[in-house]
Protein backbone atom coordinates (compact mmCIF):
# COMPACT_ATOMS: atom_id res chain seq x y z
CA MET A 1 -57.78 -5.40 -25.15
CA SER A 2 -60.50 -6.50 -22.71
CA ALA A 3 -60.00 -6.44 -19.18
CA SER A 4 -59.88 -9.87 -18.65
CA LYS A 5 -57.01 -10.53 -20.87
CA GLN A 6 -55.31 -7.23 -19.40
CA ASN A 7 -55.74 -9.22 -15.92
CA GLY A 8 -54.47 -12.56 -17.24
CA ILE A 9 -51.23 -11.13 -18.63
CA PHE A 10 -50.17 -9.27 -15.25
CA SER A 11 -51.52 -12.30 -13.38
CA PHE A 12 -48.71 -14.09 -15.02
CA PHE A 13 -46.05 -11.65 -13.68
CA VAL A 14 -47.70 -11.76 -10.31
CA LYS A 15 -47.27 -15.61 -10.01
CA LYS A 16 -43.86 -15.73 -10.95
CA THR A 17 -42.95 -12.82 -8.41
CA ALA A 18 -41.96 -14.72 -4.75
CA PRO A 19 -42.30 -12.81 -1.77
CA GLU A 20 -39.41 -11.16 -0.02
CA THR A 21 -38.07 -12.94 3.10
CA GLU A 22 -36.13 -11.43 5.89
CA GLU A 23 -33.62 -14.27 5.09
CA PHE A 24 -33.18 -12.76 1.44
CA ARG A 25 -33.05 -9.22 2.36
CA GLU A 26 -30.09 -9.76 5.25
CA ASN A 27 -28.22 -11.94 2.62
CA PHE A 28 -28.72 -9.03 0.08
CA PHE A 29 -27.45 -6.25 2.58
CA TYR A 30 -24.47 -8.68 3.78
CA GLU A 31 -23.13 -9.51 0.19
CA GLN A 32 -23.18 -5.45 -0.74
CA ILE A 33 -21.51 -4.83 2.63
CA ALA A 34 -18.97 -7.29 2.12
CA THR A 35 -18.45 -6.40 -1.20
CA LEU A 36 -17.96 -2.73 -0.38
CA VAL A 37 -14.95 -3.39 2.29
CA GLY A 38 -13.65 -6.50 0.75
CA ALA A 39 -14.82 -8.77 3.39
CA GLY A 40 -15.33 -12.39 3.40
CA GLY A 41 -16.54 -15.20 5.91
CA TRP A 42 -15.67 -18.79 6.81
CA ARG A 43 -16.74 -21.26 9.61
CA VAL A 44 -15.42 -24.49 10.75
CA ASP A 45 -17.83 -27.08 11.71
CA PHE A 46 -16.02 -29.68 14.91
CA LEU A 47 -19.07 -31.82 14.90
CA ASN A 48 -19.61 -32.87 10.90
CA LYS A 49 -15.68 -31.91 10.38
CA LYS A 50 -16.44 -29.65 7.56
CA SER A 51 -15.02 -26.00 6.63
CA TYR A 52 -17.22 -23.30 4.64
CA PHE A 53 -16.28 -20.03 2.72
CA ASP A 54 -18.77 -17.95 1.41
CA LYS A 55 -18.67 -16.38 -1.98
CA GLN A 56 -17.21 -13.29 -0.83
CA LEU A 57 -14.33 -15.00 0.29
CA GLN A 58 -13.82 -17.27 -2.16
CA LYS A 59 -13.42 -14.02 -4.46
CA ILE A 60 -10.82 -12.94 -2.27
CA LEU A 61 -8.90 -16.00 -2.25
CA GLU A 62 -9.30 -16.68 -5.80
CA THR A 63 -10.77 -20.14 -5.38
CA PRO A 64 -12.46 -22.27 -8.32
CA ASP A 65 -16.09 -22.74 -7.77
CA SER A 66 -15.64 -26.58 -7.07
CA TYR A 67 -12.84 -25.78 -4.32
CA ARG A 68 -14.08 -27.53 -1.02
CA PRO A 69 -12.16 -25.96 1.99
CA SER A 70 -10.48 -28.08 4.60
CA LEU A 71 -8.19 -27.78 7.57
CA LYS A 72 -5.77 -29.90 6.08
CA HIS A 73 -5.13 -27.28 3.52
CA ALA A 74 -5.83 -24.24 5.39
CA LEU A 75 -2.30 -23.19 6.06
CA HIS A 76 -1.73 -22.91 2.36
CA PHE A 77 -3.79 -19.58 2.30
CA PHE A 78 -1.31 -18.12 4.81
CA GLU A 79 2.42 -16.63 4.37
CA MET A 80 4.70 -18.93 6.01
CA ASN A 81 6.20 -16.46 8.57
CA PHE A 82 2.67 -16.46 10.02
CA HIS A 83 2.10 -20.10 9.98
CA GLU A 84 2.79 -20.36 13.90
CA THR A 85 0.36 -17.53 14.68
CA ILE A 86 -2.44 -19.07 12.80
CA ILE A 87 -1.85 -22.59 14.49
CA ASN A 88 -1.44 -21.09 17.77
CA SER A 89 -4.80 -19.01 17.30
CA TYR A 90 -6.75 -22.04 16.31
CA HIS A 91 -5.81 -23.90 19.53
CA ASN A 92 -6.63 -20.95 21.36
CA LEU A 93 -9.85 -20.19 20.21
CA ALA A 94 -10.48 -23.90 20.26
CA SER A 95 -9.88 -23.77 23.92
CA GLY A 96 -12.03 -20.88 24.73
CA THR A 97 -10.06 -17.81 23.75
CA PRO A 98 -12.87 -15.22 23.00
CA ILE A 99 -11.29 -13.58 20.16
CA PHE A 100 -8.21 -13.67 17.29
CA ASP A 101 -7.79 -9.78 15.76
CA GLU A 102 -4.56 -9.41 13.66
CA VAL A 103 -3.30 -8.29 10.68
CA ILE A 104 -1.78 -11.17 8.52
CA LYS A 105 -0.14 -11.92 5.16
CA MET A 106 -2.12 -14.36 3.30
CA VAL A 107 -2.13 -16.20 0.14
CA THR A 108 -4.45 -16.69 -2.68
CA TYR A 109 -5.45 -19.56 -4.32
CA THR A 110 -3.68 -18.36 -7.37
CA ASN A 111 -0.37 -17.82 -5.02
CA LYS A 112 -0.97 -13.90 -4.78
CA THR A 113 -0.05 -12.49 -1.34
CA PHE A 114 -1.88 -9.82 0.13
CA TRP A 115 -2.30 -8.47 3.64
CA ALA A 116 -5.87 -9.12 5.74
CA HIS A 117 -7.18 -8.32 8.52
CA ALA A 118 -8.83 -11.21 10.34
CA ILE A 119 -10.99 -11.55 13.03
CA SER A 120 -11.94 -14.90 14.66
CA LYS A 121 -14.08 -16.18 17.39
CA PRO A 122 -15.31 -19.55 18.76
CA ASP A 123 -18.81 -20.90 17.58
CA ILE A 124 -20.85 -21.94 20.79
CA ASP A 125 -24.08 -23.26 20.85
CA ASN A 126 -27.06 -23.23 23.37
CA ASN A 127 -25.29 -24.84 26.05
CA GLY A 128 -21.95 -23.14 26.01
CA GLU A 129 -20.02 -25.68 24.29
CA ILE A 130 -17.68 -24.66 21.56
CA VAL A 131 -18.58 -26.55 18.37
CA GLY A 132 -16.58 -24.79 15.90
CA LEU A 133 -14.65 -21.31 14.99
CA LYS A 134 -16.19 -18.62 12.68
CA GLY A 135 -14.45 -15.30 11.39
CA VAL A 136 -14.29 -12.83 8.60
CA VAL A 137 -11.18 -11.97 6.57
CA VAL A 138 -11.12 -8.27 4.83
CA ASN A 139 -8.77 -7.36 2.31
CA VAL A 140 -6.43 -4.39 3.68
CA ASN A 141 -3.69 -4.64 0.99
CA LYS A 142 -3.57 -1.00 -0.25
CA GLU A 143 -3.92 0.36 3.53
CA LYS A 144 -1.09 -1.99 4.85
CA GLU A 145 1.14 -1.27 1.61
CA ARG A 146 0.52 2.20 2.16
CA GLU A 147 1.41 1.98 5.94
CA LEU A 148 4.59 0.11 5.29
CA MET A 149 5.58 2.56 2.50
CA LEU A 150 4.81 5.55 5.23
CA GLU A 151 7.11 3.42 7.89
CA LYS A 152 9.96 3.09 5.42
CA ALA A 153 9.93 6.77 4.59
CA ILE A 154 9.79 7.77 8.26
CA ASP A 155 12.95 5.32 8.59
CA LEU A 156 14.76 6.73 5.93
CA VAL A 157 13.94 10.48 7.43
CA GLU A 158 15.18 9.40 10.64
CA ALA A 159 18.43 7.66 9.46
CA ASN A 160 18.80 11.06 7.53
CA ASN A 161 18.32 13.17 10.59
CA SER A 162 20.72 11.15 12.39
CA ARG A 163 23.28 11.17 9.52
CA LEU A 164 22.83 14.69 9.69
CA PHE A 165 23.02 15.40 13.36
CA THR A 166 26.46 13.35 13.49
CA PHE A 167 27.82 15.23 10.73
CA ALA A 168 26.44 18.78 12.11
CA ASN A 169 27.82 17.63 15.78
CA TYR A 170 31.39 16.61 14.05
CA VAL A 171 31.65 19.82 12.12
CA SER A 172 30.52 22.07 15.06
CA HIS A 173 33.05 20.73 17.32
CA ASN A 174 36.08 20.85 15.07
CA ILE A 175 35.10 24.35 14.09
CA LYS A 176 34.80 25.40 17.60
CA SER A 177 38.30 24.27 18.30
CA HIS A 178 39.78 26.34 15.41
CA VAL A 179 37.80 29.11 16.39
CA ASN A 180 39.28 28.87 19.95
CA ASN A 181 42.65 28.93 18.48
CA LEU A 182 42.19 32.06 16.48
CA GLU A 183 40.63 34.03 19.54
CA LEU A 184 43.77 32.67 21.92
CA THR A 185 46.26 33.61 19.02
CA SER A 186 44.49 37.29 19.12
CA GLN A 187 44.85 37.46 22.84
CA LEU A 188 48.70 36.57 22.34
CA VAL A 189 49.50 39.10 19.62
CA GLU A 190 51.07 42.53 20.89
CA THR A 191 49.48 45.23 18.72
CA GLN A 192 51.41 48.20 20.50
CA LYS A 193 54.01 48.11 17.58
CA PHE A 194 51.39 47.99 14.69
CA THR A 195 50.78 50.71 12.53
CA GLU A 196 47.32 52.30 12.29
CA ASP A 197 46.73 50.10 9.22
CA GLN A 198 47.59 46.75 10.84
CA LYS A 199 45.99 47.92 14.01
CA GLU A 200 42.48 48.11 11.76
CA LEU A 201 43.19 44.96 9.80
CA PHE A 202 43.91 43.29 13.14
CA ASN A 203 40.73 44.47 14.65
CA ASN A 204 38.68 43.39 11.71
CA TYR A 205 40.12 39.82 12.41
CA ASN A 206 39.18 39.89 15.87
CA GLU A 207 35.49 40.59 14.84
CA ILE A 208 35.51 37.87 12.41
CA ALA A 209 36.74 35.47 14.94
CA LYS A 210 34.08 36.60 17.60
CA SER A 211 31.28 36.41 15.06
CA LEU A 212 32.44 32.90 13.90
CA ASN A 213 32.33 31.98 17.84
CA ARG A 214 28.64 33.32 18.08
CA THR A 215 27.86 31.16 14.81
CA VAL A 216 29.45 28.18 16.01
CA SER A 217 27.90 28.51 19.58
CA ARG A 218 24.30 28.83 18.14
CA LEU A 219 24.99 25.71 15.84
CA ASN A 220 25.88 23.87 18.96
CA GLU A 221 22.57 24.85 20.36
CA VAL A 222 20.71 23.73 17.20
CA VAL A 223 22.68 20.11 17.31
CA SER A 224 21.87 19.67 21.13
CA ILE A 225 18.11 20.50 20.72
CA GLN A 226 16.74 16.64 20.05
CA THR A 227 19.06 15.34 22.77
CA LYS A 228 18.12 17.64 25.27
CA ALA A 229 14.16 17.58 24.38
CA SER A 230 14.28 13.77 25.62
CA LEU A 231 15.20 15.01 29.27
CA PRO A 232 12.36 14.71 31.56
CA LYS A 233 9.96 17.82 31.96
CA ILE A 234 9.85 19.35 35.29
CA THR A 235 7.24 21.72 37.09
CA ILE A 236 8.30 25.46 36.49
CA ASP A 237 6.86 28.69 38.15
CA LEU A 238 6.47 30.99 34.90
CA GLU A 239 6.97 34.08 37.17
CA GLU A 240 9.91 33.03 39.24
CA THR A 241 11.52 32.00 35.86
CA LEU A 242 10.55 35.32 33.70
CA GLU A 243 12.19 37.28 36.87
CA GLU A 244 15.33 35.38 36.53
CA ILE A 245 15.30 36.47 32.81
CA LYS A 246 14.54 40.18 33.61
CA THR A 247 17.54 40.06 35.79
CA GLN A 248 19.93 38.65 32.88
CA LEU A 249 18.59 41.18 30.47
CA ARG A 250 18.47 44.43 32.87
CA PRO A 251 21.24 46.10 31.06
CA LEU A 252 19.21 45.97 28.07
CA ILE A 253 15.98 46.91 29.56
CA GLU A 254 17.45 49.78 31.47
CA GLN A 255 19.25 51.21 28.41
CA GLN A 256 16.10 51.15 26.12
CA GLU A 257 13.75 51.88 28.87
CA ALA A 258 11.61 48.90 28.16
CA TYR A 259 8.46 47.82 30.37
CA ILE A 260 7.62 44.06 30.97
CA TYR A 261 4.21 43.19 32.19
CA THR A 262 3.28 39.90 33.32
CA ASP A 263 0.12 37.69 34.02
CA PHE A 264 0.40 34.36 35.16
CA SER A 265 -2.34 34.06 37.40
CA GLU A 266 -4.32 31.66 35.25
CA VAL A 267 -1.89 29.46 34.47
CA PRO A 268 1.14 29.69 37.04
CA GLU A 269 3.02 26.64 36.32
CA ILE A 270 3.83 24.43 33.40
CA GLU A 271 5.36 20.83 32.65
CA TYR A 272 8.41 21.83 30.78
CA ASN A 273 12.22 21.83 29.62
CA GLN A 274 13.81 24.33 31.93
CA GLU A 275 16.62 25.46 29.65
CA PHE A 276 14.15 25.71 26.86
CA LEU A 277 11.77 27.92 28.57
CA ASN A 278 14.66 30.02 29.43
CA ASN A 279 15.73 30.45 26.10
CA ILE A 280 12.08 31.34 25.00
CA PHE A 281 11.81 33.97 26.98
CA THR A 282 15.26 35.44 26.38
CA ILE A 283 14.87 35.45 22.79
CA LEU A 284 11.39 36.73 22.45
CA ILE A 285 11.71 39.28 25.02
CA LYS A 286 15.00 40.30 23.48
CA ASN A 287 13.39 40.14 19.87
CA GLY A 288 10.71 42.75 21.16
CA ILE A 289 13.07 45.31 22.77
CA LEU A 290 15.70 45.17 19.48
CA ASN A 291 13.09 45.54 16.88
CA LYS A 292 11.43 48.34 18.94
CA SER A 293 9.19 51.36 17.08
CA PRO A 294 11.01 54.44 16.84
CA SER A 295 8.16 56.20 17.90
CA ARG A 296 7.45 54.70 21.28
CA LYS A 297 9.30 52.91 24.32
CA PRO A 298 9.28 49.33 24.05
CA GLU A 299 6.44 47.19 26.02
CA ILE A 300 6.41 43.36 26.63
CA LYS A 301 3.77 41.18 27.68
CA ALA A 302 3.97 37.84 28.74
CA TYR A 303 1.09 35.80 30.11
CA CYS A 304 -0.44 32.01 29.92
CA ILE A 305 -3.96 30.98 29.63
CA GLU A 306 -5.42 27.94 29.19
CA ASN A 307 -8.43 27.34 26.46
CA ASP A 308 -10.09 23.71 25.54
CA LYS A 309 -7.41 21.91 28.15
CA LYS A 310 -4.63 23.65 26.05
CA ILE A 311 -2.20 26.04 27.68
CA SER A 312 -0.56 28.73 25.45
CA LEU A 313 1.86 30.90 26.59
CA ILE A 314 1.86 34.46 24.99
CA ILE A 315 4.49 37.28 24.42
CA GLU A 316 3.71 40.10 22.58
CA ASP A 317 5.37 43.48 21.94
CA ASN A 318 4.56 47.00 20.42
CA GLY A 319 7.86 46.92 18.60
CA LYS A 320 7.95 47.95 14.56
CA GLY A 321 6.30 44.52 13.65
CA TYR A 322 6.35 42.58 10.55
CA ASP A 323 4.93 42.29 7.18
CA LEU A 324 3.27 38.99 6.64
CA SER A 325 0.62 40.05 4.27
CA ASP A 326 2.62 38.67 1.32
CA ARG A 327 4.54 35.90 2.82
CA ASN A 328 4.26 32.94 5.13
CA ALA A 329 4.38 33.78 8.62
CA ASP A 330 7.19 30.80 9.23
CA GLN A 331 9.74 32.64 7.48
CA ILE A 332 10.05 34.91 10.48
CA PHE A 333 11.70 31.86 12.00
CA HIS A 334 14.18 31.23 9.20
CA MET A 335 18.00 31.76 9.69
CA SER A 336 18.19 33.24 6.58
CA ARG A 337 16.11 36.11 7.20
CA SER A 338 18.04 39.64 7.27
CA THR A 339 17.24 42.29 9.44
CA ASP A 340 18.39 46.14 9.48
CA ASN A 341 21.18 45.40 12.31
CA ASN A 342 22.92 42.27 11.85
CA GLU A 343 24.54 42.62 15.01
CA ASN A 344 21.27 42.21 16.87
CA ASN A 345 19.93 39.58 14.12
CA GLN A 346 17.52 37.77 16.11
CA SER A 347 16.54 35.24 13.25
CA VAL A 348 18.70 32.46 14.29
CA GLY A 349 17.48 32.90 17.97
CA LEU A 350 13.87 32.66 16.62
CA PHE A 351 15.00 29.60 14.35
CA ILE A 352 16.00 27.85 17.63
CA VAL A 353 12.96 28.95 19.69
CA LYS A 354 10.77 27.14 16.91
CA ASN A 355 12.70 23.98 16.88
CA GLN A 356 13.03 23.98 20.84
CA VAL A 357 8.76 24.26 20.96
CA GLU A 358 8.32 21.92 18.29
CA ALA A 359 10.97 19.26 19.72
CA LEU A 360 8.59 19.13 22.43
CA GLY A 361 5.65 18.20 20.93
CA GLY A 362 4.46 22.03 20.76
CA LYS A 363 3.69 24.73 18.09
CA ILE A 364 4.57 28.36 18.11
CA GLU A 365 2.44 30.79 15.81
CA VAL A 366 3.35 34.38 15.02
CA LYS A 367 0.82 37.25 14.66
CA SER A 368 2.17 40.80 13.22
CA LYS A 369 1.28 43.72 11.54
CA LEU A 370 3.83 46.54 10.54
CA GLY A 371 3.91 49.39 12.86
CA TYR A 372 1.95 47.93 15.66
CA GLY A 373 3.98 44.98 16.99
CA THR A 374 4.12 41.17 17.27
CA LYS A 375 2.41 38.44 19.13
CA PHE A 376 3.72 34.64 19.51
CA ILE A 377 1.52 32.16 20.89
CA ILE A 378 3.32 28.85 22.07
CA THR A 379 0.91 25.77 22.21
CA ILE A 380 2.53 23.84 25.06
């Protein structure tokens, strides 16, 4: 084939190729982005009294190609509960309100409902006059449906929690009254005339009543956590609070020859619930002492630090520690956890501490190694 013929063939294609304009590129990018995000545009021309939908909005609203939008039928594309909102927004935008930005429920031409994010603005000419309105509609039906499902699930959980709270409150108060009656009855019984077997049986009865009383008291604590968590926080001096707890625990501290070291120089005060903080200090210090290592005297360190604007209260001990290698660390806070000494079982106390911390929006972590000790890190 000759060069002239080749040139002739290629020149045919060259002649058919139109130069790509800036407007063409902008329209192409707009259409692709609009398709990706499910967005369509519209415009109302006050001067010519006409309305316009772009191709993407026609797809979203499922209108036929021959459909011509009109203000007269505009409300047909909105769910009835939103008609008043749309009418008010139209008048507000036409009067100069800078923007309308809401999630509303719309209706397609084929009568399908969907959630949409609608953004509208006045169309202003070079003289500053409002000559129309313009806006975009984004189909957010999947996202909104997920949001509504989540809200429904949250409402269901809150309702269940409320019912459980009411039930637990009812049970704890009713059991408490029966336990008090048992203890009162045991105090009125004259044991001098009992045989040895009867005395032993009655002592067992007393121990059961006392144990049940402790359990009910703990249950009352758990039930009241959410109520107390809603109380206003106050400024608390950490050193002063810990000294008060040490005074309350002095018999146990002296008996076990425990040492307690503190350093609150970095963060001397925190905003917190006083009752919760008292219980946190009490339970975690007692836990460190009662779970001491048989080879050394118990040592407790309490300090508070601030890192990346987050405050952490840390309490660590040199006790027996826990083997957390083959289980989740959170299991240490379960009430069902067993210990070597049931009388000194701290699992209920640790369970309450965790719930108190989380009720105030905080987090508690535990780091421990068997034979070396345990560190509790409370993020305020």
